[in-house]
Amino acid sequence: PCYIRIINCYSPTNPKSVQNPQLADQFYNELLEAISVPARFEVWMLGDYNAKLGKRTLVDEDTGLQPNIGRHGVGRRNENGERLLHFLAANGLFATNTAF
């Protein structure tokens, strides 16, 4: 059998997160709780993270973030993108929309 936890979420917008960082912290704390499942589960996180991950940089590669972000991002990263990327890295997850 295949066990899957599918999480659909909506993150605070970047201006709201910048204006009220506690709101963004609460979102990521709740998301962390939602992905906490036994190892036999696959976790799929879907939704609108209101984040721009942007193009992978040399700094990302130097700091070991290439397992979490693909080569095909576009534009520049915003603050929500930074938060999302660090969440992905801390939890061994990958932003699949940057893979193609």
N, C-alpha and C. Protein backbone atom coordinates (compact mmCIF):
# COMPACT_ATOMS: atom_id res chain seq x y z
N PRO A 1 0.83 -1.20 0.00
CA PRO A 1 0.00 0.00 0.00
C PRO A 1 0.87 1.26 0.00
N CYS A 2 0.34 2.29 -0.57
CA CYS A 2 1.01 3.59 -0.62
C CYS A 2 0.23 4.58 0.24
N TYR A 3 0.91 5.16 1.20
CA TYR A 3 0.29 6.14 2.08
C TYR A 3 0.74 7.54 1.65
N ILE A 4 -0.22 8.41 1.45
CA ILE A 4 0.09 9.76 0.99
C ILE A 4 -0.65 10.76 1.88
N ARG A 5 0.05 11.78 2.30
CA ARG A 5 -0.62 12.92 2.94
C ARG A 5 -0.53 14.08 1.97
N ILE A 6 -1.68 14.57 1.55
CA ILE A 6 -1.75 15.71 0.64
C ILE A 6 -2.16 16.93 1.45
N ILE A 7 -1.35 17.95 1.35
CA ILE A 7 -1.60 19.19 2.09
C ILE A 7 -1.83 20.30 1.08
N ASN A 8 -2.97 20.96 1.19
CA ASN A 8 -3.28 22.10 0.33
C ASN A 8 -3.33 23.32 1.23
N CYS A 9 -2.52 24.32 0.92
CA CYS A 9 -2.43 25.46 1.82
C CYS A 9 -2.33 26.78 1.06
N TYR A 10 -2.53 27.83 1.80
CA TYR A 10 -2.44 29.18 1.27
C TYR A 10 -1.66 30.02 2.26
N SER A 11 -0.51 30.52 1.82
CA SER A 11 0.38 31.29 2.69
C SER A 11 -0.02 32.77 2.68
N PRO A 12 0.30 33.48 3.74
CA PRO A 12 0.11 34.94 3.72
C PRO A 12 0.90 35.55 2.56
N THR A 13 0.40 36.62 1.99
CA THR A 13 1.10 37.29 0.90
C THR A 13 2.43 37.86 1.39
N ASN A 14 3.32 38.13 0.45
CA ASN A 14 4.64 38.66 0.83
C ASN A 14 4.54 39.97 1.61
N PRO A 15 3.73 40.95 1.16
CA PRO A 15 3.64 42.20 1.97
C PRO A 15 3.12 41.95 3.39
N LYS A 16 2.15 41.04 3.54
CA LYS A 16 1.64 40.75 4.89
C LYS A 16 2.71 40.05 5.73
N SER A 17 3.48 39.16 5.12
CA SER A 17 4.54 38.46 5.85
C SER A 17 5.64 39.42 6.29
N VAL A 18 5.96 40.37 5.42
CA VAL A 18 7.00 41.36 5.76
C VAL A 18 6.49 42.27 6.87
N GLN A 19 5.23 42.66 6.76
CA GLN A 19 4.63 43.57 7.74
C GLN A 19 4.42 42.87 9.09
N ASN A 20 4.09 41.57 9.05
CA ASN A 20 3.80 40.84 10.27
C ASN A 20 4.48 39.46 10.22
N PRO A 21 5.77 39.40 10.53
CA PRO A 21 6.52 38.13 10.45
C PRO A 21 5.92 37.02 11.31
N GLN A 22 5.23 37.37 12.39
CA GLN A 22 4.63 36.35 13.25
C GLN A 22 3.55 35.56 12.49
N LEU A 23 2.88 36.22 11.55
CA LEU A 23 1.86 35.55 10.73
C LEU A 23 2.51 34.48 9.86
N ALA A 24 3.64 34.81 9.25
CA ALA A 24 4.37 33.84 8.44
C ALA A 24 4.94 32.73 9.31
N ASP A 25 5.46 33.07 10.48
CA ASP A 25 5.97 32.05 11.39
C ASP A 25 4.87 31.06 11.79
N GLN A 26 3.68 31.59 12.06
CA GLN A 26 2.54 30.73 12.42
C GLN A 26 2.19 29.79 11.27
N PHE A 27 2.18 30.32 10.03
CA PHE A 27 1.89 29.49 8.86
C PHE A 27 2.88 28.34 8.76
N TYR A 28 4.17 28.62 8.84
CA TYR A 28 5.17 27.57 8.69
C TYR A 28 5.19 26.61 9.88
N ASN A 29 4.85 27.07 11.07
CA ASN A 29 4.73 26.17 12.21
C ASN A 29 3.57 25.19 12.01
N GLU A 30 2.45 25.70 11.49
CA GLU A 30 1.30 24.83 11.22
C GLU A 30 1.61 23.87 10.07
N LEU A 31 2.34 24.35 9.06
CA LEU A 31 2.73 23.48 7.95
C LEU A 31 3.66 22.37 8.43
N LEU A 32 4.58 22.71 9.32
CA LEU A 32 5.49 21.71 9.88
C LEU A 32 4.71 20.64 10.63
N GLU A 33 3.71 21.05 11.36
CA GLU A 33 2.87 20.10 12.07
C GLU A 33 2.12 19.20 11.08
N ALA A 34 1.66 19.78 9.98
CA ALA A 34 0.89 19.02 8.99
C ALA A 34 1.75 17.98 8.26
N ILE A 35 3.03 18.26 8.07
CA ILE A 35 3.88 17.30 7.35
C ILE A 35 4.51 16.26 8.26
N SER A 36 4.28 16.38 9.54
CA SER A 36 4.85 15.43 10.49
C SER A 36 4.04 14.13 10.45
N VAL A 37 4.51 13.19 9.62
CA VAL A 37 3.83 11.91 9.44
C VAL A 37 4.87 10.80 9.56
N PRO A 38 4.41 9.57 9.78
CA PRO A 38 5.37 8.46 9.80
C PRO A 38 6.14 8.34 8.48
N ALA A 39 7.31 7.77 8.53
CA ALA A 39 8.20 7.69 7.37
C ALA A 39 7.58 6.94 6.20
N ARG A 40 6.62 6.08 6.43
CA ARG A 40 6.02 5.31 5.34
C ARG A 40 5.10 6.17 4.45
N PHE A 41 4.82 7.39 4.85
CA PHE A 41 3.96 8.29 4.09
C PHE A 41 4.78 9.12 3.10
N GLU A 42 4.21 9.35 1.93
CA GLU A 42 4.71 10.38 1.03
C GLU A 42 3.97 11.65 1.40
N VAL A 43 4.64 12.78 1.32
CA VAL A 43 4.00 14.06 1.62
C VAL A 43 3.99 14.90 0.35
N TRP A 44 2.81 15.34 -0.04
CA TRP A 44 2.66 16.24 -1.19
C TRP A 44 2.09 17.54 -0.66
N MET A 45 2.84 18.61 -0.84
CA MET A 45 2.40 19.94 -0.40
C MET A 45 2.02 20.74 -1.64
N LEU A 46 0.77 21.11 -1.71
CA LEU A 46 0.25 21.88 -2.83
C LEU A 46 -0.32 23.17 -2.29
N GLY A 47 -0.43 24.16 -3.15
CA GLY A 47 -1.09 25.38 -2.71
C GLY A 47 -0.42 26.62 -3.24
N ASP A 48 -0.81 27.71 -2.69
CA ASP A 48 -0.25 29.01 -3.07
C ASP A 48 0.59 29.51 -1.90
N TYR A 49 1.89 29.48 -2.10
CA TYR A 49 2.81 29.90 -1.04
C TYR A 49 3.13 31.39 -1.13
N ASN A 50 2.55 32.06 -2.11
CA ASN A 50 2.80 33.49 -2.31
C ASN A 50 4.30 33.78 -2.23
N ALA A 51 5.07 32.91 -2.86
CA ALA A 51 6.53 33.00 -2.80
C ALA A 51 7.10 32.97 -4.21
N LYS A 52 8.18 33.69 -4.39
CA LYS A 52 8.95 33.62 -5.62
C LYS A 52 10.30 33.03 -5.26
N LEU A 53 10.51 31.78 -5.68
CA LEU A 53 11.79 31.14 -5.39
C LEU A 53 12.89 31.68 -6.29
N GLY A 54 12.52 32.11 -7.48
CA GLY A 54 13.50 32.67 -8.39
C GLY A 54 14.45 31.63 -8.94
N LYS A 55 15.42 32.14 -9.66
CA LYS A 55 16.44 31.30 -10.29
C LYS A 55 17.44 30.84 -9.23
N ARG A 56 17.85 29.57 -9.32
CA ARG A 56 18.86 29.05 -8.39
C ARG A 56 20.17 29.80 -8.61
N THR A 57 20.81 30.19 -7.51
CA THR A 57 22.03 30.99 -7.58
C THR A 57 23.25 30.16 -7.19
N LEU A 58 24.41 30.73 -7.45
CA LEU A 58 25.65 30.09 -7.00
C LEU A 58 25.70 29.99 -5.48
N VAL A 59 25.14 30.97 -4.80
CA VAL A 59 25.09 30.94 -3.34
C VAL A 59 24.24 29.75 -2.89
N ASP A 60 23.12 29.50 -3.58
CA ASP A 60 22.29 28.33 -3.25
C ASP A 60 23.11 27.05 -3.38
N GLU A 61 23.88 26.96 -4.46
CA GLU A 61 24.69 25.77 -4.67
C GLU A 61 25.80 25.66 -3.63
N ASP A 62 26.44 26.79 -3.31
CA ASP A 62 27.51 26.79 -2.31
C ASP A 62 27.00 26.42 -0.91
N THR A 63 25.75 26.76 -0.63
CA THR A 63 25.19 26.47 0.70
C THR A 63 24.43 25.15 0.73
N GLY A 64 24.49 24.40 -0.37
CA GLY A 64 23.90 23.07 -0.39
C GLY A 64 22.41 23.01 -0.60
N LEU A 65 21.83 24.03 -1.24
CA LEU A 65 20.38 24.06 -1.45
C LEU A 65 19.94 23.45 -2.78
N GLN A 66 20.88 22.99 -3.61
CA GLN A 66 20.49 22.43 -4.91
C GLN A 66 19.58 21.21 -4.81
N PRO A 67 19.61 20.42 -3.72
CA PRO A 67 18.64 19.31 -3.63
C PRO A 67 17.20 19.79 -3.42
N ASN A 68 17.01 21.08 -3.12
CA ASN A 68 15.69 21.60 -2.79
C ASN A 68 15.08 22.50 -3.86
N ILE A 69 15.90 22.95 -4.81
CA ILE A 69 15.41 23.86 -5.83
C ILE A 69 16.08 23.49 -7.16
N GLY A 70 15.27 23.41 -8.21
CA GLY A 70 15.77 23.03 -9.53
C GLY A 70 16.44 24.18 -10.27
N ARG A 71 16.89 23.88 -11.48
CA ARG A 71 17.62 24.87 -12.29
C ARG A 71 16.71 25.80 -13.07
N HIS A 72 15.40 25.57 -13.04
CA HIS A 72 14.52 26.28 -13.96
C HIS A 72 13.62 27.31 -13.29
N GLY A 73 14.03 27.85 -12.18
CA GLY A 73 13.29 28.95 -11.58
C GLY A 73 13.45 30.20 -12.43
N VAL A 74 12.56 31.16 -12.20
CA VAL A 74 12.56 32.38 -12.99
C VAL A 74 12.55 33.59 -12.06
N GLY A 75 13.27 34.62 -12.44
CA GLY A 75 13.22 35.88 -11.70
C GLY A 75 14.05 35.88 -10.43
N ARG A 76 13.66 36.80 -9.54
CA ARG A 76 14.37 36.98 -8.28
C ARG A 76 13.53 36.48 -7.12
N ARG A 77 14.20 36.00 -6.10
CA ARG A 77 13.54 35.47 -4.92
C ARG A 77 13.05 36.62 -4.03
N ASN A 78 11.85 36.45 -3.46
CA ASN A 78 11.37 37.42 -2.48
C ASN A 78 11.47 36.82 -1.08
N GLU A 79 11.04 37.57 -0.07
CA GLU A 79 11.21 37.11 1.32
C GLU A 79 10.42 35.83 1.59
N ASN A 80 9.20 35.73 1.03
CA ASN A 80 8.45 34.49 1.19
C ASN A 80 9.18 33.33 0.51
N GLY A 81 9.85 33.62 -0.60
CA GLY A 81 10.64 32.60 -1.28
C GLY A 81 11.78 32.11 -0.41
N GLU A 82 12.43 33.02 0.29
CA GLU A 82 13.51 32.64 1.22
C GLU A 82 12.96 31.73 2.32
N ARG A 83 11.83 32.13 2.88
CA ARG A 83 11.22 31.32 3.95
C ARG A 83 10.88 29.93 3.44
N LEU A 84 10.24 29.88 2.24
CA LEU A 84 9.85 28.60 1.68
C LEU A 84 11.07 27.72 1.40
N LEU A 85 12.10 28.29 0.80
CA LEU A 85 13.29 27.52 0.47
C LEU A 85 13.95 26.95 1.73
N HIS A 86 14.02 27.73 2.78
CA HIS A 86 14.63 27.25 4.02
C HIS A 86 13.75 26.18 4.68
N PHE A 87 12.43 26.32 4.54
CA PHE A 87 11.52 25.28 5.04
C PHE A 87 11.74 23.97 4.27
N LEU A 88 11.84 24.08 2.94
CA LEU A 88 12.09 22.90 2.12
C LEU A 88 13.39 22.22 2.53
N ALA A 89 14.44 23.01 2.68
CA ALA A 89 15.75 22.46 3.04
C ALA A 89 15.72 21.79 4.41
N ALA A 90 15.08 22.43 5.37
CA ALA A 90 15.04 21.89 6.73
C ALA A 90 14.28 20.58 6.81
N ASN A 91 13.39 20.35 5.82
CA ASN A 91 12.53 19.17 5.87
C ASN A 91 12.78 18.19 4.73
N GLY A 92 13.88 18.39 4.00
CA GLY A 92 14.24 17.46 2.93
C GLY A 92 13.25 17.41 1.80
N LEU A 93 12.67 18.56 1.44
CA LEU A 93 11.66 18.63 0.39
C LEU A 93 12.21 19.36 -0.83
N PHE A 94 11.52 19.22 -1.96
CA PHE A 94 11.96 19.80 -3.24
C PHE A 94 10.82 20.58 -3.88
N ALA A 95 11.13 21.75 -4.44
CA ALA A 95 10.15 22.57 -5.17
C ALA A 95 10.06 22.06 -6.61
N THR A 96 9.10 21.21 -6.87
CA THR A 96 9.03 20.55 -8.18
C THR A 96 8.77 21.51 -9.32
N ASN A 97 8.13 22.64 -9.06
CA ASN A 97 7.89 23.58 -10.17
C ASN A 97 9.15 24.26 -10.67
N THR A 98 10.27 24.03 -10.02
CA THR A 98 11.54 24.57 -10.51
C THR A 98 12.36 23.52 -11.26
N ALA A 99 11.78 22.34 -11.45
CA ALA A 99 12.50 21.24 -12.07
C ALA A 99 12.30 21.17 -13.59
N PHE A 100 11.39 21.97 -14.10
CA PHE A 100 11.12 21.91 -15.55
C PHE A 100 10.84 23.28 -16.09
